[in-house]
């Protein structure tokens, strides 16, 4: 069987597994929310509400139904594309997710670009002189940024650059003195498309610090990955053969080592998308960023079952989709890969 047929079979198997993964994640979230301590009725009415009021609200929310019936209703709505209605705001969960998702994607994409740039610079810096001072500094950078507690790093950077120096706003996504642009929901993109550079400047100024914070914390992943892959590649037989032909070390690294070392970085970038969800939760809360992670934190605190379930399903679908795209790209770019 040729490679194209194997690739198609691999893609088909991944597409068939995606709904199964989403079903398992959705079912697990549904079950965990129901067995976790606490009652959404108490969160909505308070502990002093009368028994009659509590029972009436429980019926309205469908919580009086047996757990299997609640689960079947949840799956039925999910198959129809209905994520439900928020218990707290009575708004459609789909509408809440659509409003918050662009902010999180904008923050996540900017943070991922910063993480890749910083990680590649740090990972490549010590190749000229392994085990030297620059190489040691790069390794310490990779370990340190990966091990830093995100909440601590965010508050320190916030105190330095927002409170102390005043270079950036303390929080928020857009200046309160300006009207947010209408369009795609991505403020930077909308500002560029509309030619409104005041909007672009305001959105970029609010985005810079949270994106840099999250990118800095994730850059250690790319630093360590590039460092290990590049060293392994530079010890391979074909690189030694290139050196024996009299090719300069710079050309060996740039033409033979770096392209092969960068291929696994695609997989690392796909995995980092899942890390962005957890990392963005604390960053969005600390910087008051109105994204989907912030909505998730509020929904968990309020025991808003439909909103938590809807956000987790959407995020899981995005992670599965990105992982699928990355796997296909790696398979297309790396002929050595077997399926």
Protein backbone atom coordinates (compact mmCIF):
# COMPACT_ATOMS: atom_id res chain seq x y z
CA UNK A 1 0.00 0.00 0.00
CA UNK A 2 1.47 3.36 -1.01
CA UNK A 3 1.95 6.26 1.35
CA UNK A 4 -1.08 8.28 0.14
CA UNK A 5 -3.46 5.40 0.90
CA UNK A 6 -1.91 4.92 4.32
CA UNK A 7 -2.31 8.63 5.01
CA UNK A 8 -5.98 8.51 4.01
CA UNK A 9 -6.58 5.53 6.29
CA UNK A 10 -4.82 7.31 9.13
CA UNK A 11 -6.90 10.45 8.58
CA UNK A 12 -10.12 8.40 8.45
CA UNK A 13 -9.26 6.64 11.72
CA UNK A 14 -8.56 9.98 13.42
CA UNK A 15 -11.84 11.42 12.16
CA UNK A 16 -13.72 8.40 13.50
CA UNK A 17 -12.00 8.65 16.88
CA UNK A 18 -12.75 12.37 17.29
CA UNK A 19 -16.50 11.95 18.09
CA UNK A 20 -15.67 9.15 20.52
CA UNK A 21 -13.19 11.36 22.36
CA UNK A 22 -15.70 14.20 22.53
CA UNK A 23 -18.38 11.84 23.85
CA UNK A 24 -16.06 10.51 26.56
CA UNK A 25 -15.01 14.02 27.63
CA UNK A 26 -18.60 15.28 27.65
CA UNK A 27 -19.81 12.29 29.64
CA UNK A 28 -17.00 12.64 32.16
CA UNK A 29 -17.75 16.34 32.70
CA UNK A 30 -21.47 15.61 33.04
CA UNK A 31 -20.81 12.97 35.69
CA UNK A 32 -18.22 14.97 37.64
CA UNK A 33 -20.49 17.99 37.89
CA UNK A 34 -23.31 15.87 39.31
CA UNK A 35 -21.21 14.02 41.92
CA UNK A 36 -19.23 17.07 43.03
CA UNK A 37 -20.32 18.57 46.38
CA UNK A 38 -22.64 21.54 46.23
CA UNK A 39 -26.04 22.26 44.72
CA UNK A 40 -26.73 24.76 41.92
CA UNK A 41 -30.08 25.57 43.53
CA UNK A 42 -28.26 26.73 46.66
CA UNK A 43 -25.88 28.78 44.50
CA UNK A 44 -28.81 30.49 42.78
CA UNK A 45 -31.27 30.96 45.66
CA UNK A 46 -29.06 30.82 48.72
CA UNK A 47 -29.39 28.52 51.71
CA UNK A 48 -32.29 30.51 53.23
CA UNK A 49 -34.73 29.89 50.37
CA UNK A 50 -37.93 28.01 51.16
CA UNK A 51 -38.36 24.36 50.32
CA UNK A 52 -41.14 25.16 47.85
CA UNK A 53 -39.01 27.70 45.99
CA UNK A 54 -36.12 25.27 45.86
CA UNK A 55 -38.27 22.47 44.47
CA UNK A 56 -39.86 24.77 41.89
CA UNK A 57 -36.45 25.89 40.63
CA UNK A 58 -35.20 22.31 40.61
CA UNK A 59 -38.08 21.33 38.33
CA UNK A 60 -37.46 24.31 36.04
CA UNK A 61 -33.81 23.32 35.68
CA UNK A 62 -34.66 19.64 35.14
CA UNK A 63 -32.65 18.57 38.17
CA UNK A 64 -35.61 16.62 39.57
CA UNK A 65 -35.22 14.07 36.78
CA UNK A 66 -33.28 10.83 37.39
CA UNK A 67 -29.61 11.06 36.43
CA UNK A 68 -29.94 8.74 33.38
CA UNK A 69 -32.75 10.93 32.01
CA UNK A 70 -30.66 14.08 32.53
CA UNK A 71 -27.79 12.39 30.70
CA UNK A 72 -29.96 11.34 27.74
CA UNK A 73 -31.41 14.83 27.48
CA UNK A 74 -27.89 16.27 27.55
CA UNK A 75 -26.67 13.95 24.79
CA UNK A 76 -29.78 14.57 22.69
CA UNK A 77 -29.34 18.33 22.85
CA UNK A 78 -25.62 17.96 22.13
CA UNK A 79 -26.28 15.91 19.00
CA UNK A 80 -28.62 18.67 17.79
CA UNK A 81 -25.93 21.28 18.39
CA UNK A 82 -27.79 22.76 21.36
CA UNK A 83 -25.42 23.50 24.26
CA UNK A 84 -28.28 24.45 26.53
CA UNK A 85 -29.14 27.57 28.51
CA UNK A 86 -27.18 29.11 31.33
CA UNK A 87 -28.81 28.59 34.73
CA UNK A 88 -27.60 31.97 35.97
CA UNK A 89 -28.06 34.39 33.07
CA UNK A 90 -30.75 32.43 31.15
CA UNK A 91 -28.75 33.15 27.98
CA UNK A 92 -27.94 30.57 25.36
CA UNK A 93 -24.66 28.80 26.15
CA UNK A 94 -23.80 28.91 22.46
CA UNK A 95 -24.17 32.70 22.45
CA UNK A 96 -22.00 33.06 25.58
CA UNK A 97 -19.29 30.88 24.03
CA UNK A 98 -19.42 32.78 20.72
CA UNK A 99 -19.00 36.08 22.54
CA UNK A 100 -16.07 34.91 24.70
CA UNK A 101 -14.22 32.62 22.31
CA UNK A 102 -12.63 35.30 20.06
CA UNK A 103 -10.97 36.94 23.08
CA UNK A 104 -9.43 33.62 24.15
CA UNK A 105 -8.30 32.72 20.63
CA UNK A 106 -6.72 36.16 20.21
CA UNK A 107 -4.87 35.82 23.51
CA UNK A 108 -3.89 32.21 22.86
CA UNK A 109 -2.59 32.83 19.34
CA UNK A 110 -0.50 35.83 20.45
CA UNK A 111 0.87 33.85 23.41
CA UNK A 112 1.72 30.88 21.18
CA UNK A 113 3.65 33.10 18.74
CA UNK A 114 5.58 34.68 21.62
CA UNK A 115 6.27 31.26 23.15
CA UNK A 116 7.62 29.87 19.87
CA UNK A 117 9.85 32.90 19.21
CA UNK A 118 11.29 33.00 22.73
CA UNK A 119 11.65 29.23 22.90
CA UNK A 120 13.42 28.93 19.56
CA UNK A 121 15.82 31.78 20.38
CA UNK A 122 16.69 30.25 23.75
CA UNK A 123 16.91 26.71 22.34
CA UNK A 124 19.14 27.70 19.44
CA UNK A 125 21.41 30.04 21.41
CA UNK A 126 23.73 27.41 22.89
CA UNK A 127 24.30 25.28 19.78
CA UNK A 128 27.48 27.12 18.72
CA UNK A 129 29.16 26.28 22.03
CA UNK A 130 27.47 23.38 23.86
CA UNK A 131 27.97 23.23 27.61
CA UNK A 132 29.10 26.88 27.54
CA UNK A 133 27.69 29.77 29.55
CA UNK A 134 25.10 30.69 26.92
CA UNK A 135 23.96 27.09 26.67
CA UNK A 136 23.69 26.85 30.45
CA UNK A 137 21.70 30.09 30.57
CA UNK A 138 19.34 28.74 27.90
CA UNK A 139 18.78 25.52 29.81
CA UNK A 140 18.12 27.43 33.03
CA UNK A 141 15.69 29.65 31.14
CA UNK A 142 13.80 26.64 29.79
CA UNK A 143 13.53 24.95 33.18
CA UNK A 144 12.74 28.17 35.02
CA UNK A 145 9.96 29.41 32.76
CA UNK A 146 8.35 25.97 32.66
CA UNK A 147 8.44 25.63 36.46
CA UNK A 148 7.24 29.15 37.34
CA UNK A 149 3.76 29.23 38.93
CA UNK A 150 1.59 31.05 36.42
CA UNK A 151 -0.34 33.07 39.01
CA UNK A 152 2.87 34.27 40.67
CA UNK A 153 4.56 35.21 37.38
CA UNK A 154 1.43 37.02 36.17
CA UNK A 155 1.14 39.10 39.33
CA UNK A 156 4.85 39.96 39.37
CA UNK A 157 4.81 41.12 35.73
CA UNK A 158 1.58 42.97 36.40
CA UNK A 159 3.13 44.78 39.37
CA UNK A 160 6.28 45.68 37.42
CA UNK A 161 4.96 46.71 34.00
CA UNK A 162 1.39 47.81 34.81
CA UNK A 163 1.46 49.18 38.36
CA UNK A 164 5.11 50.21 38.69
CA UNK A 165 6.11 51.43 35.22
CA UNK A 166 2.60 52.08 33.92
CA UNK A 167 3.47 50.82 30.44
CA UNK A 168 0.39 48.61 30.12
CA UNK A 169 -3.12 48.50 31.61
CA UNK A 170 -3.64 46.40 34.73
CA UNK A 171 -6.45 44.41 33.14
CA UNK A 172 -9.26 44.32 30.63
CA UNK A 173 -9.30 43.76 26.90
CA UNK A 174 -10.08 47.19 25.51
CA UNK A 175 -9.88 50.84 26.64
CA UNK A 176 -13.15 51.86 28.36
CA UNK A 177 -13.01 55.24 26.61
CA UNK A 178 -13.34 53.65 23.17
CA UNK A 179 -16.22 51.78 21.55
CA UNK A 180 -15.26 48.15 20.80
CA UNK A 181 -15.24 47.41 17.06
CA UNK A 182 -17.98 45.31 15.54
CA UNK A 183 -17.29 42.45 13.19
CA UNK A 184 -15.46 39.20 13.82
CA UNK A 185 -14.96 39.68 17.57
CA UNK A 186 -11.18 39.75 17.12
CA UNK A 187 -10.45 43.36 18.03
CA UNK A 188 -7.01 43.53 16.39
CA UNK A 189 -8.29 42.04 13.14
CA UNK A 190 -11.40 44.23 13.15
CA UNK A 191 -9.30 47.34 13.75
CA UNK A 192 -6.97 46.48 10.86
CA UNK A 193 -9.84 45.66 8.49
CA UNK A 194 -11.60 48.91 9.36
CA UNK A 195 -8.39 50.94 9.19
CA UNK A 196 -8.99 52.22 12.71
CA UNK A 197 -5.48 52.38 14.16
CA UNK A 198 -6.73 53.81 17.44
CA UNK A 199 -8.64 50.58 17.98
CA UNK A 200 -5.58 48.53 16.98
CA UNK A 201 -3.36 50.48 19.38
CA UNK A 202 -5.81 50.16 22.27
CA UNK A 203 -6.41 46.45 21.73
CA UNK A 204 -2.69 45.73 21.29
CA UNK A 205 -1.77 47.64 24.45
CA UNK A 206 -4.22 45.55 26.50
CA UNK A 207 -3.18 42.30 24.81
CA UNK A 208 0.59 42.74 25.16
CA UNK A 209 1.11 41.99 28.86
CA UNK A 210 -1.19 38.94 29.29
CA UNK A 211 0.02 37.47 25.98
CA UNK A 212 3.67 37.97 26.93
CA UNK A 213 3.07 36.46 30.37
CA UNK A 214 1.42 33.34 28.98
CA UNK A 215 3.94 33.08 26.13
CA UNK A 216 6.85 33.39 28.54
CA UNK A 217 5.50 30.57 30.70
CA UNK A 218 5.07 28.27 27.69
CA UNK A 219 8.33 29.15 25.93
CA UNK A 220 10.31 26.70 28.06
CA UNK A 221 8.51 23.81 26.33
CA UNK A 222 9.84 24.89 22.92
CA UNK A 223 13.27 25.72 24.31
CA UNK A 224 13.78 22.25 25.79
CA UNK A 225 12.26 20.48 22.78
CA UNK A 226 14.43 22.28 20.22
CA UNK A 227 17.56 21.84 22.32
CA UNK A 228 17.09 18.07 22.66
CA UNK A 229 16.01 17.51 19.04
CA UNK A 230 18.82 19.61 17.59
CA UNK A 231 21.48 17.83 19.62
CA UNK A 232 20.11 14.44 18.56
CA UNK A 233 20.02 15.47 14.90
CA UNK A 234 23.55 16.91 14.98
CA UNK A 235 24.88 13.54 16.20
CA UNK A 236 23.20 11.59 13.38
CA UNK A 237 25.09 9.84 10.58
CA UNK A 238 24.01 12.09 7.71
CA UNK A 239 25.16 15.19 9.61
CA UNK A 240 28.54 13.57 10.26
CA UNK A 241 28.74 12.73 6.55
CA UNK A 242 28.06 16.40 5.71
CA UNK A 243 30.85 17.47 8.06
CA UNK A 244 33.23 14.99 6.45
CA UNK A 245 32.63 16.62 3.05
CA UNK A 246 34.04 19.86 4.41
CA UNK A 247 30.75 21.73 4.83
CA UNK A 248 31.01 24.51 7.39
CA UNK A 249 29.40 23.99 10.78
CA UNK A 250 27.01 26.89 10.19
CA UNK A 251 25.70 25.31 6.98
CA UNK A 252 25.49 21.90 8.65
CA UNK A 253 23.31 23.33 11.42
CA UNK A 254 21.12 25.55 9.22
CA UNK A 255 20.70 23.24 6.20
CA UNK A 256 20.81 19.76 7.72
CA UNK A 257 20.19 20.01 11.44
CA UNK A 258 17.61 22.74 11.98
CA UNK A 259 14.96 21.67 9.40
CA UNK A 260 14.82 18.13 10.83
CA UNK A 261 14.87 19.38 14.41
CA UNK A 262 11.96 21.74 13.74
CA UNK A 263 9.59 19.02 12.50
CA UNK A 264 8.75 17.75 16.00
CA UNK A 265 8.00 21.34 16.98
CA UNK A 266 4.73 21.10 15.06
CA UNK A 267 3.63 18.32 17.40
CA UNK A 268 4.79 20.34 20.40
CA UNK A 269 2.74 23.32 19.15
CA UNK A 270 -0.35 21.12 18.91
CA UNK A 271 0.12 19.80 22.43
CA UNK A 272 0.69 23.35 23.70
CA UNK A 273 -2.83 24.29 22.54
CA UNK A 274 -4.17 22.07 25.33
CA UNK A 275 -1.76 23.73 27.78
CA UNK A 276 -3.07 27.13 26.72
CA UNK A 277 -6.48 26.24 28.13
CA UNK A 278 -5.15 25.58 31.63
CA UNK A 279 -2.63 28.39 31.54
CA UNK A 280 -5.10 30.91 30.15
CA UNK A 281 -7.54 30.26 33.00
CA UNK A 282 -5.37 31.95 35.62
CA UNK A 283 -4.07 34.57 33.19
CA UNK A 284 -7.58 35.60 32.15
CA UNK A 285 -8.73 35.80 35.77
CA UNK A 286 -5.71 37.84 36.93
CA UNK A 287 -5.85 40.23 33.96
CA UNK A 288 -9.67 40.39 33.88
CA UNK A 289 -9.57 39.14 30.30
CA UNK A 290 -13.15 38.42 29.12
CA UNK A 291 -12.36 35.08 27.51
CA UNK A 292 -13.79 31.61 27.65
CA UNK A 293 -11.49 30.49 30.48
CA UNK A 294 -12.76 33.34 32.63
CA UNK A 295 -16.32 32.33 31.81
CA UNK A 296 -15.49 28.75 32.79
CA UNK A 297 -14.14 29.83 36.17
CA UNK A 298 -17.27 31.86 36.91
CA UNK A 299 -19.53 29.04 35.74
CA UNK A 300 -17.77 26.55 38.04
CA UNK A 301 -18.12 28.88 41.01
CA UNK A 302 -21.84 29.30 40.31
CA UNK A 303 -22.41 25.60 39.62
CA UNK A 304 -23.81 26.52 36.20
CA UNK A 305 -23.97 23.00 34.76
CA UNK A 306 -24.95 23.82 31.14
CA UNK A 307 -22.35 26.58 30.78
CA UNK A 308 -19.52 24.43 32.17
CA UNK A 309 -20.51 21.51 29.94
CA UNK A 310 -20.83 23.70 26.85
CA UNK A 311 -17.46 25.40 27.35
CA UNK A 312 -15.66 22.10 27.97
CA UNK A 313 -17.22 20.51 24.87
CA UNK A 314 -16.25 23.46 22.65
CA UNK A 315 -12.69 23.60 24.03
CA UNK A 316 -12.30 19.83 23.66
CA UNK A 317 -13.52 20.04 20.07
CA UNK A 318 -10.97 22.76 19.30
CA UNK A 319 -8.14 20.76 20.88
CA UNK A 320 -9.12 17.61 18.95
CA UNK A 321 -9.33 19.60 15.70
CA UNK A 322 -5.93 21.25 16.21
CA UNK A 323 -4.35 17.90 17.11
CA UNK A 324 -5.78 16.33 13.97
CA UNK A 325 -4.49 19.15 11.74
CA UNK A 326 -1.03 18.99 13.34
CA UNK A 327 -0.81 15.22 12.94
CA UNK A 328 -1.74 15.44 9.26
CA UNK A 329 0.81 18.23 8.66
CA UNK A 330 3.56 16.21 10.34
CA UNK A 331 2.63 13.17 8.26
CA UNK A 332 2.77 15.21 5.05
CA UNK A 333 6.07 16.92 5.88
CA UNK A 334 7.96 13.95 7.32
CA UNK A 335 8.35 11.08 4.82
CA UNK A 336 10.04 8.94 7.49
CA UNK A 337 6.82 8.63 9.47
CA UNK A 338 5.06 5.27 9.38
CA UNK A 339 1.35 4.87 10.12
